[in-house]
Amino acid sequence: MGYRVKLTPRAARELKALPKHVRKRIIRWLDLLADVPFREGTKKLEGRGGLRRVHASKEYVIVFVVQKKQVLVLVVRVAHRGDVYRGL
C-alpha cells in the first residue's frame, strides 16, 4: 500500500524554483517516499514533532511528516541544506 504525497504551498513554491536537474531528483525521492516513507536514510528531527528529513542530494533536503491514518506524506520544505531548517 503506497502513501499519497502532498506538498504544502511553501514546499511547492520551493520545488518549482529549483533547477530542473535538482527538481527531477527531488521528484524521484518523493516517489520513493510514497512507497516507503520510513526508509533508510530518513531521520526524525529532534524537538520538531513528527517531522522527518531526507537528504535528496548533497545540497538539498526534503522535510516531511508522515500521517499514517491518512496514508499521507506531507512535504513541508524542499530547500538547500543551509536554509531548510529556518522557519520550521
N, C-alpha and C. Protein backbone atom coordinates (compact mmCIF):
# COMPACT_ATOMS: atom_id res chain seq x y z
N MET A 1 0.85 -1.18 0.00
CA MET A 1 0.00 0.00 0.00
C MET A 1 0.90 1.24 0.00
N GLY A 2 0.74 2.10 -0.99
CA GLY A 2 1.54 3.30 -1.09
C GLY A 2 0.87 4.49 -0.40
N TYR A 3 1.68 5.42 -0.04
CA TYR A 3 1.21 6.66 0.57
C TYR A 3 0.99 7.71 -0.52
N ARG A 4 0.07 8.63 -0.27
CA ARG A 4 -0.07 9.80 -1.14
C ARG A 4 0.97 10.81 -0.70
N VAL A 5 1.48 11.58 -1.64
CA VAL A 5 2.44 12.64 -1.32
C VAL A 5 1.76 13.97 -1.65
N LYS A 6 1.76 14.86 -0.66
CA LYS A 6 1.18 16.19 -0.84
C LYS A 6 2.20 17.22 -0.40
N LEU A 7 2.33 18.29 -1.15
CA LEU A 7 3.24 19.37 -0.81
C LEU A 7 2.47 20.55 -0.25
N THR A 8 3.00 21.16 0.79
CA THR A 8 2.40 22.40 1.28
C THR A 8 2.63 23.46 0.20
N PRO A 9 1.89 24.56 0.22
CA PRO A 9 2.12 25.61 -0.78
C PRO A 9 3.58 26.11 -0.77
N ARG A 10 4.16 26.22 0.41
CA ARG A 10 5.55 26.67 0.51
C ARG A 10 6.49 25.67 -0.16
N ALA A 11 6.31 24.39 0.11
CA ALA A 11 7.16 23.35 -0.48
C ALA A 11 6.99 23.31 -2.00
N ALA A 12 5.76 23.52 -2.47
CA ALA A 12 5.52 23.53 -3.91
C ALA A 12 6.26 24.69 -4.58
N ARG A 13 6.23 25.87 -3.95
CA ARG A 13 6.97 27.02 -4.50
C ARG A 13 8.47 26.76 -4.50
N GLU A 14 8.96 26.17 -3.42
CA GLU A 14 10.39 25.88 -3.32
C GLU A 14 10.81 24.87 -4.39
N LEU A 15 10.00 23.85 -4.59
CA LEU A 15 10.32 22.84 -5.61
C LEU A 15 10.33 23.46 -7.00
N LYS A 16 9.35 24.28 -7.27
CA LYS A 16 9.24 24.92 -8.59
C LYS A 16 10.44 25.83 -8.88
N ALA A 17 11.00 26.44 -7.85
CA ALA A 17 12.11 27.38 -8.02
C ALA A 17 13.47 26.69 -8.21
N LEU A 18 13.54 25.39 -7.97
CA LEU A 18 14.81 24.68 -8.08
C LEU A 18 15.21 24.46 -9.53
N PRO A 19 16.50 24.32 -9.79
CA PRO A 19 16.95 23.96 -11.15
C PRO A 19 16.33 22.63 -11.58
N LYS A 20 16.14 22.47 -12.87
CA LYS A 20 15.45 21.31 -13.41
C LYS A 20 16.09 19.98 -12.97
N HIS A 21 17.41 19.88 -13.00
CA HIS A 21 18.06 18.62 -12.64
C HIS A 21 17.87 18.28 -11.16
N VAL A 22 17.82 19.29 -10.31
CA VAL A 22 17.58 19.07 -8.87
C VAL A 22 16.12 18.69 -8.66
N ARG A 23 15.23 19.36 -9.37
CA ARG A 23 13.80 19.09 -9.25
C ARG A 23 13.50 17.63 -9.62
N LYS A 24 14.15 17.12 -10.67
CA LYS A 24 13.94 15.73 -11.07
C LYS A 24 14.38 14.77 -9.97
N ARG A 25 15.49 15.07 -9.33
CA ARG A 25 16.00 14.22 -8.25
C ARG A 25 15.04 14.24 -7.05
N ILE A 26 14.52 15.43 -6.73
CA ILE A 26 13.56 15.55 -5.62
C ILE A 26 12.30 14.74 -5.92
N ILE A 27 11.82 14.83 -7.14
CA ILE A 27 10.60 14.10 -7.53
C ILE A 27 10.82 12.59 -7.43
N ARG A 28 12.01 12.12 -7.80
CA ARG A 28 12.32 10.70 -7.65
C ARG A 28 12.27 10.30 -6.18
N TRP A 29 12.80 11.16 -5.30
CA TRP A 29 12.76 10.87 -3.86
C TRP A 29 11.32 10.87 -3.35
N LEU A 30 10.50 11.77 -3.85
CA LEU A 30 9.10 11.80 -3.42
C LEU A 30 8.39 10.50 -3.80
N ASP A 31 8.71 9.97 -4.98
CA ASP A 31 8.15 8.68 -5.39
C ASP A 31 8.60 7.56 -4.44
N LEU A 32 9.88 7.59 -4.05
CA LEU A 32 10.39 6.59 -3.11
C LEU A 32 9.71 6.70 -1.75
N LEU A 33 9.51 7.93 -1.29
CA LEU A 33 8.84 8.14 0.00
C LEU A 33 7.39 7.69 -0.04
N ALA A 34 6.76 7.79 -1.20
CA ALA A 34 5.37 7.32 -1.33
C ALA A 34 5.30 5.81 -1.11
N ASP A 35 6.33 5.09 -1.54
CA ASP A 35 6.35 3.64 -1.36
C ASP A 35 6.71 3.25 0.07
N VAL A 36 7.78 3.85 0.61
CA VAL A 36 8.26 3.51 1.96
C VAL A 36 8.73 4.79 2.64
N PRO A 37 7.84 5.47 3.37
CA PRO A 37 8.22 6.76 3.98
C PRO A 37 9.23 6.67 5.12
N PHE A 38 9.34 5.51 5.75
CA PHE A 38 10.29 5.35 6.86
C PHE A 38 11.54 4.61 6.39
N ARG A 39 11.93 4.84 5.17
CA ARG A 39 13.05 4.12 4.57
C ARG A 39 14.38 4.53 5.19
N GLU A 40 15.39 3.71 4.94
CA GLU A 40 16.74 4.02 5.39
C GLU A 40 17.19 5.34 4.78
N GLY A 41 17.81 6.17 5.57
CA GLY A 41 18.26 7.47 5.08
C GLY A 41 17.38 8.62 5.58
N THR A 42 16.16 8.28 6.04
CA THR A 42 15.32 9.32 6.64
C THR A 42 15.66 9.40 8.12
N LYS A 43 15.49 10.59 8.66
CA LYS A 43 15.82 10.79 10.07
C LYS A 43 14.76 11.67 10.72
N LYS A 44 14.36 11.30 11.93
CA LYS A 44 13.41 12.11 12.70
C LYS A 44 14.14 13.33 13.23
N LEU A 45 13.51 14.50 13.11
CA LEU A 45 14.09 15.74 13.61
C LEU A 45 13.75 15.89 15.09
N GLU A 46 14.76 16.01 15.91
CA GLU A 46 14.57 16.14 17.35
C GLU A 46 13.86 17.45 17.69
N GLY A 47 12.85 17.38 18.55
CA GLY A 47 12.15 18.56 19.01
C GLY A 47 11.27 19.22 17.97
N ARG A 48 10.96 18.51 16.90
CA ARG A 48 10.14 19.10 15.82
C ARG A 48 8.87 18.29 15.57
N GLY A 49 8.32 17.73 16.63
CA GLY A 49 7.09 16.95 16.46
C GLY A 49 7.38 15.70 15.66
N GLY A 50 6.61 15.45 14.65
CA GLY A 50 6.79 14.26 13.82
C GLY A 50 7.57 14.51 12.55
N LEU A 51 8.25 15.64 12.46
CA LEU A 51 8.97 15.95 11.23
C LEU A 51 10.14 15.01 11.02
N ARG A 52 10.34 14.66 9.76
CA ARG A 52 11.46 13.83 9.34
C ARG A 52 12.17 14.54 8.19
N ARG A 53 13.39 14.11 7.90
CA ARG A 53 14.11 14.70 6.79
C ARG A 53 14.88 13.62 6.05
N VAL A 54 15.13 13.91 4.79
CA VAL A 54 15.98 13.06 3.97
C VAL A 54 16.79 13.98 3.06
N HIS A 55 18.07 13.67 2.92
CA HIS A 55 18.92 14.42 2.00
C HIS A 55 18.70 13.84 0.61
N ALA A 56 18.06 14.63 -0.24
CA ALA A 56 17.77 14.17 -1.60
C ALA A 56 18.99 14.28 -2.49
N SER A 57 19.95 15.08 -2.08
CA SER A 57 21.23 15.21 -2.77
C SER A 57 22.23 15.73 -1.74
N LYS A 58 23.41 16.04 -2.20
CA LYS A 58 24.42 16.56 -1.28
C LYS A 58 24.00 17.91 -0.70
N GLU A 59 23.23 18.69 -1.46
CA GLU A 59 22.90 20.05 -1.07
C GLU A 59 21.44 20.30 -0.72
N TYR A 60 20.52 19.40 -1.09
CA TYR A 60 19.10 19.68 -0.89
C TYR A 60 18.44 18.66 0.02
N VAL A 61 17.53 19.16 0.85
CA VAL A 61 16.87 18.35 1.88
C VAL A 61 15.35 18.45 1.70
N ILE A 62 14.69 17.32 1.93
CA ILE A 62 13.22 17.27 1.96
C ILE A 62 12.82 17.08 3.42
N VAL A 63 11.96 17.97 3.93
CA VAL A 63 11.42 17.84 5.28
C VAL A 63 9.95 17.48 5.13
N PHE A 64 9.54 16.42 5.83
CA PHE A 64 8.18 15.91 5.66
C PHE A 64 7.66 15.32 6.97
N VAL A 65 6.37 15.09 6.99
CA VAL A 65 5.72 14.41 8.12
C VAL A 65 4.87 13.29 7.52
N VAL A 66 4.87 12.14 8.20
CA VAL A 66 4.08 11.01 7.75
C VAL A 66 2.82 10.95 8.60
N GLN A 67 1.68 10.98 7.93
CA GLN A 67 0.40 10.87 8.61
C GLN A 67 -0.17 9.49 8.30
N LYS A 68 0.06 8.56 9.23
CA LYS A 68 -0.29 7.16 8.99
C LYS A 68 -1.78 6.95 8.77
N LYS A 69 -2.61 7.60 9.58
CA LYS A 69 -4.06 7.39 9.47
C LYS A 69 -4.60 7.85 8.12
N GLN A 70 -4.04 8.94 7.58
CA GLN A 70 -4.47 9.44 6.28
C GLN A 70 -3.68 8.83 5.13
N VAL A 71 -2.70 7.99 5.45
CA VAL A 71 -1.80 7.36 4.47
C VAL A 71 -1.23 8.47 3.57
N LEU A 72 -0.58 9.43 4.22
CA LEU A 72 -0.13 10.65 3.54
C LEU A 72 1.29 11.01 3.98
N VAL A 73 2.09 11.41 3.02
CA VAL A 73 3.40 12.02 3.28
C VAL A 73 3.23 13.50 2.92
N LEU A 74 3.27 14.36 3.93
CA LEU A 74 3.10 15.79 3.72
C LEU A 74 4.48 16.44 3.70
N VAL A 75 4.85 16.99 2.56
CA VAL A 75 6.15 17.63 2.40
C VAL A 75 6.03 19.08 2.85
N VAL A 76 6.84 19.45 3.83
CA VAL A 76 6.78 20.78 4.44
C VAL A 76 7.78 21.74 3.80
N ARG A 77 8.99 21.24 3.52
CA ARG A 77 10.04 22.08 2.93
C ARG A 77 10.84 21.27 1.93
N VAL A 78 11.33 21.94 0.90
CA VAL A 78 12.29 21.40 -0.05
C VAL A 78 13.26 22.54 -0.29
N ALA A 79 14.45 22.45 0.30
CA ALA A 79 15.35 23.60 0.22
C ALA A 79 16.80 23.17 0.39
N HIS A 80 17.68 24.14 0.17
CA HIS A 80 19.10 23.93 0.36
C HIS A 80 19.36 23.60 1.83
N ARG A 81 20.34 22.76 2.08
CA ARG A 81 20.60 22.30 3.45
C ARG A 81 20.92 23.43 4.42
N GLY A 82 21.41 24.56 3.92
CA GLY A 82 21.73 25.69 4.79
C GLY A 82 20.51 26.52 5.17
N ASP A 83 19.42 26.36 4.40
CA ASP A 83 18.21 27.17 4.62
C ASP A 83 17.01 26.38 5.09
N VAL A 84 17.04 25.08 4.96
CA VAL A 84 15.85 24.25 5.12
C VAL A 84 15.25 24.29 6.51
N TYR A 85 16.06 24.47 7.55
CA TYR A 85 15.53 24.40 8.91
C TYR A 85 15.05 25.75 9.44
N ARG A 86 15.28 26.82 8.69
CA ARG A 86 14.79 28.14 9.12
C ARG A 86 13.29 28.21 8.97
N GLY A 87 12.63 28.66 9.98
CA GLY A 87 11.19 28.87 9.92
C GLY A 87 10.36 27.61 10.10
N LEU A 88 10.97 26.53 10.59
CA LEU A 88 10.18 25.32 10.83
C LEU A 88 9.44 25.42 12.15
